[in-house]
Amino acid sequence: MKKAFTLIELLIAISILGIIASFIIVQMIGAANAAKDAKRKADVDIIKNALIQYRSENYTKGSIQPATCEIGTNCTNFDSDIQAFLESLPKDPNGTSYTYRSADGTDCSITAILSDGSAYTYDCQTEVATFGDSTNGVCGITSASSLTSSTPGLCTQGVPVLFAGSGPWTWTCSGTDGGSNDTCLAFVQMVCSTSSSDCTGDAVEVLRMSDIAGGHAELPGQTNYTQKVCCTGPEIGNSCSATKNAIILKLYSATNAHVEQNNLSNYASNACLSTGDTFDAACSYASDCSSVGPEYQCLGSISDTTNAHAGGCSDAFATKVCCNIY
């Protein structure tokens, strides 16, 4: 008589079979997802190539379609424009559509959502496909748009781009899903440098120093020292009585002075950075102005928080004087 399996042996065998089956199922799902993701990326590339062909043959027509829509579903103009360069409009393996986004039809993105929920996005401006974050995604208005005035609060996250001069400026940003969650900050750039000559062009003198390697300072307009901190940017001035201004440094006296940080109260003479009604100003101190914010510009350096000497940004002291307009 053959010995029968005990209940415990049967349960163990069933458990082992279950584990093996689960492993096989997971592997099959992973393989299926990988195959779907490969198709999604290939589809985005197909749409991309059709778009490139369309633009090369119709470059005088301008925009395609300013919209956020689903390709093959409700992107009426975009679909008809690229249809001639495709056998058929690709669909997601799960039957859904790929997303097209553009604020004005000149800059755009094409996005597929992968199995893990991340985005695979083609950026029409850079002509590069990336995972997760896109570059130059649509944000408020399309990136690279021309702005003739400052647009504070255009965006609050993402990667800001510096603006130089008095406009018009251009801007760009980056964010998730090729633009749907993109928010960026448009800001102007103030450019400052130290010169032994008078400030030229639109540059405004905001401080004078005896030596860029370290020395005393004086207020702008004084005539004892030759090293001038000159700044350019929209609406920049050096008036401490302006409605919008920031104290760059406090000086012991108007000339031949030690300096201190603007949050102290030992000295009474203020060197200021002022702006018009469109902008505001701020100044701070750090070992690296970029750590305060990418828009902050180094105006000089100081040897201590108070009773300090002043010098150039790269030639004197570790603590930098960092200011910006916004």
C-alpha atoms as a PDB file:
ATOM      1  CA  MET A   1       0.000   0.000   0.000  1.00  0.00           C
ATOM      2  CA  LYS A   2       1.420   3.395  -1.076  1.00  0.00           C
ATOM      3  CA  LYS A   3       1.780   6.073   1.523  1.00  0.00           C
ATOM      4  CA  ALA A   4      -0.539   9.083   0.921  1.00  0.00           C
ATOM      5  CA  PHE A   5       0.563  12.710   1.209  1.00  0.00           C
ATOM      6  CA  THR A   6      -0.226  14.254   4.524  1.00  0.00           C
ATOM      7  CA  LEU A   7      -2.251  17.447   4.732  1.00  0.00           C
ATOM      8  CA  ILE A   8       0.843  19.415   5.725  1.00  0.00           C
ATOM      9  CA  GLU A   9       2.767  18.115   2.701  1.00  0.00           C
ATOM     10  CA  LEU A  10      -0.092  19.063   0.390  1.00  0.00           C
ATOM     11  CA  LEU A  11      -0.278  22.551   1.868  1.00  0.00           C
ATOM     12  CA  ILE A  12       3.469  23.016   1.455  1.00  0.00           C
ATOM     13  CA  ALA A  13       3.300  21.842  -2.163  1.00  0.00           C
ATOM     14  CA  ILE A  14       0.369  24.152  -2.905  1.00  0.00           C
ATOM     15  CA  SER A  15       2.197  27.080  -1.304  1.00  0.00           C
ATOM     16  CA  ILE A  16       5.301  26.427  -3.392  1.00  0.00           C
ATOM     17  CA  LEU A  17       3.227  26.214  -6.557  1.00  0.00           C
ATOM     18  CA  GLY A  18       1.500  29.461  -5.599  1.00  0.00           C
ATOM     19  CA  ILE A  19       4.804  31.250  -5.101  1.00  0.00           C
ATOM     20  CA  ILE A  20       6.091  29.997  -8.444  1.00  0.00           C
ATOM     21  CA  ALA A  21       2.856  31.004 -10.154  1.00  0.00           C
ATOM     22  CA  SER A  22       2.998  34.493  -8.582  1.00  0.00           C
ATOM     23  CA  PHE A  23       6.572  34.923  -9.719  1.00  0.00           C
ATOM     24  CA  ILE A  24       5.667  33.891 -13.266  1.00  0.00           C
ATOM     25  CA  ILE A  25       2.659  36.240 -13.302  1.00  0.00           C
ATOM     26  CA  VAL A  26       4.788  39.165 -12.075  1.00  0.00           C
ATOM     27  CA  GLN A  27       7.376  38.420 -14.743  1.00  0.00           C
ATOM     28  CA  MET A  28       4.668  38.243 -17.413  1.00  0.00           C
ATOM     29  CA  ILE A  29       3.124  41.532 -16.277  1.00  0.00           C
ATOM     30  CA  GLY A  30       6.553  43.171 -16.242  1.00  0.00           C
ATOM     31  CA  ALA A  31       7.272  41.899 -19.745  1.00  0.00           C
ATOM     32  CA  ALA A  32       3.857  43.066 -20.956  1.00  0.00           C
ATOM     33  CA  ASN A  33       4.389  46.530 -19.411  1.00  0.00           C
ATOM     34  CA  ALA A  34       7.857  46.771 -20.932  1.00  0.00           C
ATOM     35  CA  ALA A  35       6.426  45.892 -24.348  1.00  0.00           C
ATOM     36  CA  LYS A  36       3.679  48.498 -23.956  1.00  0.00           C
ATOM     37  CA  ASP A  37       6.168  51.153 -22.860  1.00  0.00           C
ATOM     38  CA  ALA A  38       8.400  50.352 -25.826  1.00  0.00           C
ATOM     39  CA  LYS A  39       5.403  50.885 -28.127  1.00  0.00           C
ATOM     40  CA  ARG A  40       4.497  54.132 -26.364  1.00  0.00           C
ATOM     41  CA  LYS A  41       7.991  55.534 -26.853  1.00  0.00           C
ATOM     42  CA  ALA A  42       8.005  54.372 -30.472  1.00  0.00           C
ATOM     43  CA  ASP A  43       4.616  56.026 -31.025  1.00  0.00           C
ATOM     44  CA  VAL A  44       5.850  59.335 -29.595  1.00  0.00           C
ATOM     45  CA  ASP A  45       8.814  59.116 -31.966  1.00  0.00           C
ATOM     46  CA  ILE A  46       6.461  58.407 -34.894  1.00  0.00           C
ATOM     47  CA  ILE A  47       4.339  61.451 -34.047  1.00  0.00           C
ATOM     48  CA  LYS A  48       7.507  63.483 -33.557  1.00  0.00           C
ATOM     49  CA  ASN A  49       8.842  62.522 -36.998  1.00  0.00           C
ATOM     50  CA  ALA A  50       5.524  63.401 -38.620  1.00  0.00           C
ATOM     51  CA  LEU A  51       5.543  66.773 -36.872  1.00  0.00           C
ATOM     52  CA  ILE A  52       9.113  67.474 -38.012  1.00  0.00           C
ATOM     53  CA  GLN A  53       8.167  66.593 -41.599  1.00  0.00           C
ATOM     54  CA  TYR A  54       5.096  68.809 -41.448  1.00  0.00           C
ATOM     55  CA  ARG A  55       7.070  71.758 -40.089  1.00  0.00           C
ATOM     56  CA  SER A  56       9.833  71.365 -42.672  1.00  0.00           C
ATOM     57  CA  GLU A  57       7.284  71.529 -45.500  1.00  0.00           C
ATOM     58  CA  ASN A  58       4.974  74.128 -43.969  1.00  0.00           C
ATOM     59  CA  TYR A  59       7.327  76.425 -42.090  1.00  0.00           C
ATOM     60  CA  THR A  60       5.590  79.540 -43.443  1.00  0.00           C
ATOM     61  CA  LYS A  61       2.215  78.580 -41.965  1.00  0.00           C
ATOM     62  CA  GLY A  62       3.119  79.446 -38.388  1.00  0.00           C
ATOM     63  CA  SER A  63       1.265  77.762 -35.565  1.00  0.00           C
ATOM     64  CA  ILE A  64      -0.360  74.342 -35.643  1.00  0.00           C
ATOM     65  CA  GLN A  65      -2.907  74.270 -32.834  1.00  0.00           C
ATOM     66  CA  PRO A  66      -2.848  76.147 -29.522  1.00  0.00           C
ATOM     67  CA  ALA A  67      -4.484  73.558 -27.302  1.00  0.00           C
ATOM     68  CA  THR A  68      -4.173  70.797 -24.766  1.00  0.00           C
ATOM     69  CA  CYS A  69      -5.816  67.805 -26.362  1.00  0.00           C
ATOM     70  CA  GLU A  70      -5.683  64.067 -26.976  1.00  0.00           C
ATOM     71  CA  ILE A  71      -4.108  63.065 -30.292  1.00  0.00           C
ATOM     72  CA  GLY A  72      -6.567  61.176 -32.471  1.00  0.00           C
ATOM     73  CA  THR A  73      -9.482  62.216 -30.270  1.00  0.00           C
ATOM     74  CA  ASN A  74      -9.958  65.973 -30.071  1.00  0.00           C
ATOM     75  CA  CYS A  75      -6.783  67.518 -31.557  1.00  0.00           C
ATOM     76  CA  THR A  76      -8.662  68.447 -34.723  1.00  0.00           C
ATOM     77  CA  ASN A  77      -6.149  70.784 -36.373  1.00  0.00           C
ATOM     78  CA  PHE A  78      -3.032  69.013 -35.151  1.00  0.00           C
ATOM     79  CA  ASP A  79      -4.352  65.617 -36.272  1.00  0.00           C
ATOM     80  CA  SER A  80      -5.229  66.850 -39.757  1.00  0.00           C
ATOM     81  CA  ASP A  81      -1.885  68.640 -40.161  1.00  0.00           C
ATOM     82  CA  ILE A  82       0.286  65.584 -39.444  1.00  0.00           C
ATOM     83  CA  GLN A  83      -2.098  62.939 -40.825  1.00  0.00           C
ATOM     84  CA  ALA A  84      -0.532  63.154 -44.299  1.00  0.00           C
ATOM     85  CA  PHE A  85       2.788  61.990 -42.875  1.00  0.00           C
ATOM     86  CA  LEU A  86       1.365  58.953 -41.041  1.00  0.00           C
ATOM     87  CA  GLU A  87      -0.330  55.728 -42.026  1.00  0.00           C
ATOM     88  CA  SER A  88      -2.560  56.215 -38.990  1.00  0.00           C
ATOM     89  CA  LEU A  89      -2.519  58.195 -35.757  1.00  0.00           C
ATOM     90  CA  PRO A  90      -0.923  56.012 -33.041  1.00  0.00           C
ATOM     91  CA  LYS A  91      -2.953  55.037 -29.994  1.00  0.00           C
ATOM     92  CA  ASP A  92      -1.765  54.033 -26.532  1.00  0.00           C
ATOM     93  CA  PRO A  93      -1.694  50.209 -26.139  1.00  0.00           C
ATOM     94  CA  ASN A  94      -4.420  50.536 -23.519  1.00  0.00           C
ATOM     95  CA  GLY A  95      -6.645  52.317 -26.026  1.00  0.00           C
ATOM     96  CA  THR A  96      -6.156  55.827 -24.661  1.00  0.00           C
ATOM     97  CA  SER A  97      -4.588  58.750 -26.526  1.00  0.00           C
ATOM     98  CA  TYR A  98      -1.276  60.549 -26.324  1.00  0.00           C
ATOM     99  CA  THR A  99      -1.359  64.166 -25.154  1.00  0.00           C
ATOM    100  CA  TYR A 100      -0.450  67.233 -27.202  1.00  0.00           C
ATOM    101  CA  ARG A 101       0.071  70.564 -25.429  1.00  0.00           C
ATOM    102  CA  SER A 102       0.783  74.023 -26.775  1.00  0.00           C
ATOM    103  CA  ALA A 103      -0.140  77.521 -25.676  1.00  0.00           C
ATOM    104  CA  ASP A 104       0.169  79.136 -29.117  1.00  0.00           C
ATOM    105  CA  GLY A 105       1.064  76.329 -31.527  1.00  0.00           C
ATOM    106  CA  THR A 106       4.736  77.256 -31.912  1.00  0.00           C
ATOM    107  CA  ASP A 107       6.186  75.480 -28.885  1.00  0.00           C
ATOM    108  CA  CYS A 108       4.625  72.178 -27.900  1.00  0.00           C
ATOM    109  CA  SER A 109       5.059  68.807 -26.221  1.00  0.00           C
ATOM    110  CA  ILE A 110       3.839  65.276 -26.944  1.00  0.00           C
ATOM    111  CA  THR A 111       3.473  63.023 -23.911  1.00  0.00           C
ATOM    112  CA  ALA A 112       2.876  59.335 -23.267  1.00  0.00           C
ATOM    113  CA  ILE A 113       2.254  58.037 -19.752  1.00  0.00           C
ATOM    114  CA  LEU A 114       4.297  54.892 -19.064  1.00  0.00           C
ATOM    115  CA  SER A 115       3.229  51.874 -17.027  1.00  0.00           C
ATOM    116  CA  ASP A 116       4.790  53.192 -13.824  1.00  0.00           C
ATOM    117  CA  GLY A 117       2.894  56.486 -14.178  1.00  0.00           C
ATOM    118  CA  SER A 118       5.904  58.528 -15.301  1.00  0.00           C
ATOM    119  CA  ALA A 119       5.881  60.674 -18.440  1.00  0.00           C
ATOM    120  CA  TYR A 120       7.801  60.198 -21.665  1.00  0.00           C
ATOM    121  CA  THR A 121       7.711  63.591 -23.381  1.00  0.00           C
ATOM    122  CA  TYR A 122       8.965  64.980 -26.673  1.00  0.00           C
ATOM    123  CA  ASP A 123       9.705  68.704 -26.546  1.00  0.00           C
ATOM    124  CA  CYS A 124       9.033  70.413 -29.883  1.00  0.00           C
ATOM    125  CA  GLN A 125      11.436  73.287 -29.235  1.00  0.00           C
ATOM    126  CA  THR A 126      14.511  71.296 -28.202  1.00  0.00           C
ATOM    127  CA  GLU A 127      13.495  68.291 -30.347  1.00  0.00           C
ATOM    128  CA  VAL A 128      14.474  66.011 -27.469  1.00  0.00           C
ATOM    129  CA  ALA A 129      12.426  63.277 -25.773  1.00  0.00           C
ATOM    130  CA  THR A 130      12.934  62.906 -22.015  1.00  0.00           C
ATOM    131  CA  PHE A 131      11.590  60.845 -19.136  1.00  0.00           C
ATOM    132  CA  GLY A 132       9.711  62.519 -16.289  1.00  0.00           C
ATOM    133  CA  ASP A 133      10.484  66.216 -16.584  1.00  0.00           C
ATOM    134  CA  SER A 134      10.334  68.060 -19.883  1.00  0.00           C
ATOM    135  CA  THR A 135      12.421  71.018 -20.932  1.00  0.00           C
ATOM    136  CA  ASN A 136      10.700  74.160 -22.160  1.00  0.00           C
ATOM    137  CA  GLY A 137       7.265  72.826 -21.361  1.00  0.00           C
ATOM    138  CA  VAL A 138       4.210  74.973 -21.784  1.00  0.00           C
ATOM    139  CA  CYS A 139       3.897  77.169 -18.735  1.00  0.00           C
ATOM    140  CA  GLY A 140       1.315  79.915 -18.434  1.00  0.00           C
ATOM    141  CA  ILE A 141       2.153  81.037 -21.941  1.00  0.00           C
ATOM    142  CA  THR A 142       4.406  79.166 -24.306  1.00  0.00           C
ATOM    143  CA  SER A 143       8.097  79.244 -23.536  1.00  0.00           C
ATOM    144  CA  ALA A 144      10.318  81.523 -25.610  1.00  0.00           C
ATOM    145  CA  SER A 145       7.486  84.015 -25.895  1.00  0.00           C
ATOM    146  CA  SER A 146       8.418  87.669 -26.122  1.00  0.00           C
ATOM    147  CA  LEU A 147       7.636  89.729 -23.033  1.00  0.00           C
ATOM    148  CA  THR A 148       7.813  93.512 -23.230  1.00  0.00           C
ATOM    149  CA  SER A 149       7.270  93.981 -19.501  1.00  0.00           C
ATOM    150  CA  SER A 150       7.967  92.065 -16.333  1.00  0.00           C
ATOM    151  CA  THR A 151       5.436  89.351 -15.516  1.00  0.00           C
ATOM    152  CA  PRO A 152       5.745  88.703 -11.756  1.00  0.00           C
ATOM    153  CA  GLY A 153       3.979  85.559 -10.622  1.00  0.00           C
ATOM    154  CA  LEU A 154       3.914  84.034 -14.104  1.00  0.00           C
ATOM    155  CA  CYS A 155       5.166  80.868 -12.455  1.00  0.00           C
ATOM    156  CA  THR A 156       6.216  79.709  -9.002  1.00  0.00           C
ATOM    157  CA  GLN A 157       8.208  76.507  -9.603  1.00  0.00           C
ATOM    158  CA  GLY A 158      10.454  75.092 -12.300  1.00  0.00           C
ATOM    159  CA  VAL A 159      13.648  76.500 -13.746  1.00  0.00           C
ATOM    160  CA  PRO A 160      13.778  80.283 -14.185  1.00  0.00           C
ATOM    161  CA  VAL A 161      15.767  81.997 -16.910  1.00  0.00           C
ATOM    162  CA  LEU A 162      17.522  85.322 -16.417  1.00  0.00           C
ATOM    163  CA  PHE A 163      16.344  88.347 -18.380  1.00  0.00           C
ATOM    164  CA  ALA A 164      18.831  91.001 -19.420  1.00  0.00           C
ATOM    165  CA  GLY A 165      18.353  94.537 -20.666  1.00  0.00           C
ATOM    166  CA  SER A 166      15.112  96.476 -20.875  1.00  0.00           C
ATOM    167  CA  GLY A 167      13.115  93.987 -22.951  1.00  0.00           C
ATOM    168  CA  PRO A 168      11.642  92.417 -24.816  1.00  0.00           C
ATOM    169  CA  TRP A 169      12.793  89.285 -23.013  1.00  0.00           C
ATOM    170  CA  THR A 170      12.242  85.582 -23.534  1.00  0.00           C
ATOM    171  CA  TRP A 171      11.714  82.913 -20.916  1.00  0.00           C
ATOM    172  CA  THR A 172      11.602  79.164 -20.566  1.00  0.00           C
ATOM    173  CA  CYS A 173      10.783  76.619 -17.873  1.00  0.00           C
ATOM    174  CA  SER A 174      10.708  72.927 -17.047  1.00  0.00           C
ATOM    175  CA  GLY A 175       8.242  70.706 -15.236  1.00  0.00           C
ATOM    176  CA  THR A 176       6.300  67.462 -15.196  1.00  0.00           C
ATOM    177  CA  ASP A 177       4.225  66.077 -18.064  1.00  0.00           C
ATOM    178  CA  GLY A 178       5.500  68.392 -20.736  1.00  0.00           C
ATOM    179  CA  GLY A 179       3.732  71.380 -19.376  1.00  0.00           C
ATOM    180  CA  SER A 180       0.541  70.375 -17.586  1.00  0.00           C
ATOM    181  CA  ASN A 181       2.109  70.935 -14.176  1.00  0.00           C
ATOM    182  CA  ASP A 182       4.782  73.424 -15.247  1.00  0.00           C
ATOM    183  CA  THR A 183       5.036  76.622 -13.280  1.00  0.00           C
ATOM    184  CA  CYS A 184       8.051  78.901 -13.505  1.00  0.00           C
ATOM    185  CA  LEU A 185       9.130  82.354 -12.422  1.00  0.00           C
ATOM    186  CA  ALA A 186       9.905  85.014 -14.985  1.00  0.00           C
ATOM    187  CA  PHE A 187      12.310  87.596 -13.607  1.00  0.00           C
ATOM    188  CA  VAL A 188      14.638  90.269 -14.871  1.00  0.00           C
ATOM    189  CA  GLN A 189      18.391  90.159 -14.575  1.00  0.00           C
ATOM    190  CA  MET A 190      20.469  92.906 -13.045  1.00  0.00           C
ATOM    191  CA  VAL A 191      24.084  92.878 -14.250  1.00  0.00           C
ATOM    192  CA  CYS A 192      26.751  94.500 -12.050  1.00  0.00           C
ATOM    193  CA  SER A 193      30.492  94.940 -12.393  1.00  0.00           C
ATOM    194  CA  THR A 194      33.293  97.001 -10.859  1.00  0.00           C
ATOM    195  CA  SER A 195      35.102  99.518 -13.039  1.00  0.00           C
ATOM    196  CA  SER A 196      37.765 102.159 -12.522  1.00  0.00           C
ATOM    197  CA  SER A 197      36.055 104.204 -15.239  1.00  0.00           C
ATOM    198  CA  ASP A 198      32.735 105.991 -15.068  1.00  0.00           C
ATOM    199  CA  CYS A 199      29.626 103.855 -15.519  1.00  0.00           C
ATOM    200  CA  THR A 200      28.598 103.924 -19.175  1.00  0.00           C
ATOM    201  CA  GLY A 201      25.380 103.470 -21.127  1.00  0.00           C
ATOM    202  CA  ASP A 202      22.431 102.449 -18.969  1.00  0.00           C
ATOM    203  CA  ALA A 203      24.686 101.440 -16.053  1.00  0.00           C
ATOM    204  CA  VAL A 204      24.045 103.184 -12.729  1.00  0.00           C
ATOM    205  CA  GLU A 205      26.688 103.714 -10.044  1.00  0.00           C
ATOM    206  CA  VAL A 206      25.516 102.245  -6.712  1.00  0.00           C
ATOM    207  CA  LEU A 207      28.737 102.212  -4.624  1.00  0.00           C
ATOM    208  CA  ARG A 208      32.379 103.310  -4.711  1.00  0.00           C
ATOM    209  CA  MET A 209      35.396 101.578  -3.169  1.00  0.00           C
ATOM    210  CA  SER A 210      39.036 102.478  -2.684  1.00  0.00           C
ATOM    211  CA  ASP A 211      40.333  99.084  -3.875  1.00  0.00           C
ATOM    212  CA  ILE A 212      38.766  95.901  -5.276  1.00  0.00           C
ATOM    213  CA  ALA A 213      41.204  93.878  -3.148  1.00  0.00           C
ATOM    214  CA  GLY A 214      39.742  95.419  -0.004  1.00  0.00           C
ATOM    215  CA  GLY A 215      39.460  98.937   1.365  1.00  0.00           C
ATOM    216  CA  HIS A 216      37.080 101.651   2.465  1.00  0.00           C
ATOM    217  CA  ALA A 217      33.885 102.617   0.652  1.00  0.00           C
ATOM    218  CA  GLU A 218      31.903 105.721  -0.115  1.00  0.00           C
ATOM    219  CA  LEU A 219      28.483 106.621  -1.439  1.00  0.00           C
ATOM    220  CA  PRO A 220      27.917 106.895  -5.209  1.00  0.00           C
ATOM    221  CA  GLY A 221      28.720 110.322  -6.578  1.00  0.00           C
ATOM    222  CA  GLN A 222      31.589 110.953  -4.167  1.00  0.00           C
ATOM    223  CA  THR A 223      34.955 111.676  -5.795  1.00  0.00           C
ATOM    224  CA  ASN A 224      37.628 110.243  -3.498  1.00  0.00           C
ATOM    225  CA  TYR A 225      37.690 106.671  -4.833  1.00  0.00           C
ATOM    226  CA  THR A 226      37.938 105.288  -8.350  1.00  0.00           C
ATOM    227  CA  GLN A 227      36.442 101.775  -8.108  1.00  0.00           C
ATOM    228  CA  LYS A 228      32.769 102.079  -9.060  1.00  0.00           C
ATOM    229  CA  VAL A 229      30.112  99.358  -8.786  1.00  0.00           C
ATOM    230  CA  CYS A 230      27.982  99.830 -11.919  1.00  0.00           C
ATOM    231  CA  CYS A 231      24.680  97.998 -12.421  1.00  0.00           C
ATOM    232  CA  THR A 232      22.378  97.739 -15.443  1.00  0.00           C
ATOM    233  CA  GLY A 233      18.800  96.569 -15.608  1.00  0.00           C
ATOM    234  CA  PRO A 234      15.324  98.000 -16.066  1.00  0.00           C
ATOM    235  CA  GLU A 235      14.463 100.962 -13.837  1.00  0.00           C
ATOM    236  CA  ILE A 236      17.636 100.705 -11.702  1.00  0.00           C
ATOM    237  CA  GLY A 237      18.702 103.705  -9.629  1.00  0.00           C
ATOM    238  CA  ASN A 238      20.656 104.491  -6.452  1.00  0.00           C
ATOM    239  CA  SER A 239      18.146 106.645  -4.572  1.00  0.00           C
ATOM    240  CA  CYS A 240      17.453 105.734  -0.954  1.00  0.00           C
ATOM    241  CA  SER A 241      14.323 107.897  -1.023  1.00  0.00           C
ATOM    242  CA  ALA A 242      12.680 105.952  -3.853  1.00  0.00           C
ATOM    243  CA  THR A 243       9.456 104.122  -3.029  1.00  0.00           C
ATOM    244  CA  LYS A 244      11.093 100.803  -3.785  1.00  0.00           C
ATOM    245  CA  ASN A 245      14.694 100.384  -2.705  1.00  0.00           C
ATOM    246  CA  ALA A 246      17.008  98.041  -0.826  1.00  0.00           C
ATOM    247  CA  ILE A 247      20.022  99.004   1.281  1.00  0.00           C
ATOM    248  CA  ILE A 248      23.138  97.454  -0.217  1.00  0.00           C
ATOM    249  CA  LEU A 249      25.434  98.373   2.682  1.00  0.00           C
ATOM    250  CA  LYS A 250      25.507 100.820   5.567  1.00  0.00           C
ATOM    251  CA  LEU A 251      28.523 103.139   5.671  1.00  0.00           C
ATOM    252  CA  TYR A 252      30.068 104.867   8.703  1.00  0.00           C
ATOM    253  CA  SER A 253      30.086 108.136   6.736  1.00  0.00           C
ATOM    254  CA  ALA A 254      29.531 109.316   3.177  1.00  0.00           C
ATOM    255  CA  THR A 255      33.179 108.743   2.282  1.00  0.00           C
ATOM    256  CA  ASN A 256      36.358 107.032   3.538  1.00  0.00           C
ATOM    257  CA  ALA A 257      34.088 104.666   5.474  1.00  0.00           C
ATOM    258  CA  HIS A 258      33.971 101.240   7.009  1.00  0.00           C
ATOM    259  CA  VAL A 259      30.820  99.321   6.110  1.00  0.00           C
ATOM    260  CA  GLU A 260      28.360  96.941   7.711  1.00  0.00           C
ATOM    261  CA  GLN A 261      25.466  94.712   6.665  1.00  0.00           C
ATOM    262  CA  ASN A 262      22.135  96.385   6.050  1.00  0.00           C
ATOM    263  CA  ASN A 263      20.402  94.635   8.987  1.00  0.00           C
ATOM    264  CA  LEU A 264      22.652  96.349  11.558  1.00  0.00           C
ATOM    265  CA  SER A 265      22.256  99.818  13.057  1.00  0.00           C
ATOM    266  CA  ASN A 266      25.729 101.112  13.888  1.00  0.00           C
ATOM    267  CA  TYR A 267      26.149 103.263  10.754  1.00  0.00           C
ATOM    268  CA  ALA A 268      23.824 105.899   9.332  1.00  0.00           C
ATOM    269  CA  SER A 269      24.839 106.382   5.665  1.00  0.00           C
ATOM    270  CA  ASN A 270      23.025 104.009   3.309  1.00  0.00           C
ATOM    271  CA  ALA A 271      24.127 102.895  -0.149  1.00  0.00           C
ATOM    272  CA  CYS A 272      20.922 101.847  -1.926  1.00  0.00           C
ATOM    273  CA  LEU A 273      19.666 100.014  -4.970  1.00  0.00           C
ATOM    274  CA  SER A 274      16.347 101.478  -6.130  1.00  0.00           C
ATOM    275  CA  THR A 275      13.810 100.556  -8.813  1.00  0.00           C
ATOM    276  CA  GLY A 276      10.713 102.008 -10.414  1.00  0.00           C
ATOM    277  CA  ASP A 277       7.125 101.021  -9.770  1.00  0.00           C
ATOM    278  CA  THR A 278       7.327  97.887 -11.944  1.00  0.00           C
ATOM    279  CA  PHE A 279       9.950  96.145  -9.837  1.00  0.00           C
ATOM    280  CA  ASP A 280      11.226  95.788  -6.303  1.00  0.00           C
ATOM    281  CA  ALA A 281      14.733  95.282  -4.896  1.00  0.00           C
ATOM    282  CA  ALA A 282      16.364  93.066  -2.278  1.00  0.00           C
ATOM    283  CA  CYS A 283      19.896  92.617  -0.926  1.00  0.00           C
ATOM    284  CA  SER A 284      21.397  89.875   1.214  1.00  0.00           C
ATOM    285  CA  TYR A 285      24.773  88.330   2.087  1.00  0.00           C
ATOM    286  CA  ALA A 286      26.189  84.870   1.396  1.00  0.00           C
ATOM    287  CA  SER A 287      29.389  83.077   0.474  1.00  0.00           C
ATOM    288  CA  ASP A 288      27.849  82.420  -2.949  1.00  0.00           C
ATOM    289  CA  CYS A 289      25.079  84.627  -4.330  1.00  0.00           C
ATOM    290  CA  SER A 290      23.589  81.741  -6.326  1.00  0.00           C
ATOM    291  CA  SER A 291      22.767  80.064  -3.003  1.00  0.00           C
ATOM    292  CA  VAL A 292      20.456  82.991  -2.201  1.00  0.00           C
ATOM    293  CA  GLY A 293      18.734  82.594  -5.559  1.00  0.00           C
ATOM    294  CA  PRO A 294      19.718  82.209  -9.223  1.00  0.00           C
ATOM    295  CA  GLU A 295      18.614  85.788  -9.907  1.00  0.00           C
ATOM    296  CA  TYR A 296      20.919  87.351  -7.283  1.00  0.00           C
ATOM    297  CA  GLN A 297      23.922  89.330  -8.534  1.00  0.00           C
ATOM    298  CA  CYS A 298      27.177  89.929  -6.639  1.00  0.00           C
ATOM    299  CA  LEU A 299      27.910  93.631  -6.145  1.00  0.00           C
ATOM    300  CA  GLY A 300      31.007  93.225  -3.959  1.00  0.00           C
ATOM    301  CA  SER A 301      32.309  91.553  -0.814  1.00  0.00           C
ATOM    302  CA  ILE A 302      32.876  92.526   2.831  1.00  0.00           C
ATOM    303  CA  SER A 303      35.365  91.393   5.464  1.00  0.00           C
ATOM    304  CA  ASP A 304      32.942  91.198   8.416  1.00  0.00           C
ATOM    305  CA  THR A 305      29.350  91.910   9.430  1.00  0.00           C
ATOM    306  CA  THR A 306      30.300  95.352  10.797  1.00  0.00           C
ATOM    307  CA  ASN A 307      33.382  97.634  11.009  1.00  0.00           C
ATOM    308  CA  ALA A 308      34.276  95.939   7.729  1.00  0.00           C
ATOM    309  CA  HIS A 309      36.253  96.654   4.611  1.00  0.00           C
ATOM    310  CA  ALA A 310      34.674  96.299   1.176  1.00  0.00           C
ATOM    311  CA  GLY A 311      36.097  94.803  -2.010  1.00  0.00           C
ATOM    312  CA  GLY A 312      35.310  93.194  -5.320  1.00  0.00           C
ATOM    313  CA  CYS A 313      33.393  89.969  -5.810  1.00  0.00           C
ATOM    314  CA  SER A 314      36.383  87.786  -6.661  1.00  0.00           C
ATOM    315  CA  ASP A 315      39.339  89.745  -5.352  1.00  0.00           C
ATOM    316  CA  ALA A 316      38.674  90.359  -1.689  1.00  0.00           C
ATOM    317  CA  PHE A 317      36.455  88.724   0.923  1.00  0.00           C
ATOM    318  CA  ALA A 318      34.390  85.572   1.381  1.00  0.00           C
ATOM    319  CA  THR A 319      31.086  87.249   2.243  1.00  0.00           C
ATOM    320  CA  LYS A 320      29.421  88.499  -0.925  1.00  0.00           C
ATOM    321  CA  VAL A 321      26.941  91.350  -1.205  1.00  0.00           C
ATOM    322  CA  CYS A 322      24.040  89.847  -3.177  1.00  0.00           C
ATOM    323  CA  CYS A 323      21.195  91.900  -4.664  1.00  0.00           C
ATOM    324  CA  ASN A 324      18.435  91.442  -7.203  1.00  0.00           C
ATOM    325  CA  ILE A 325      15.444  93.185  -8.724  1.00  0.00           C
ATOM    326  CA  TYR A 326      12.148  91.388  -9.161  1.00  0.00           C
END
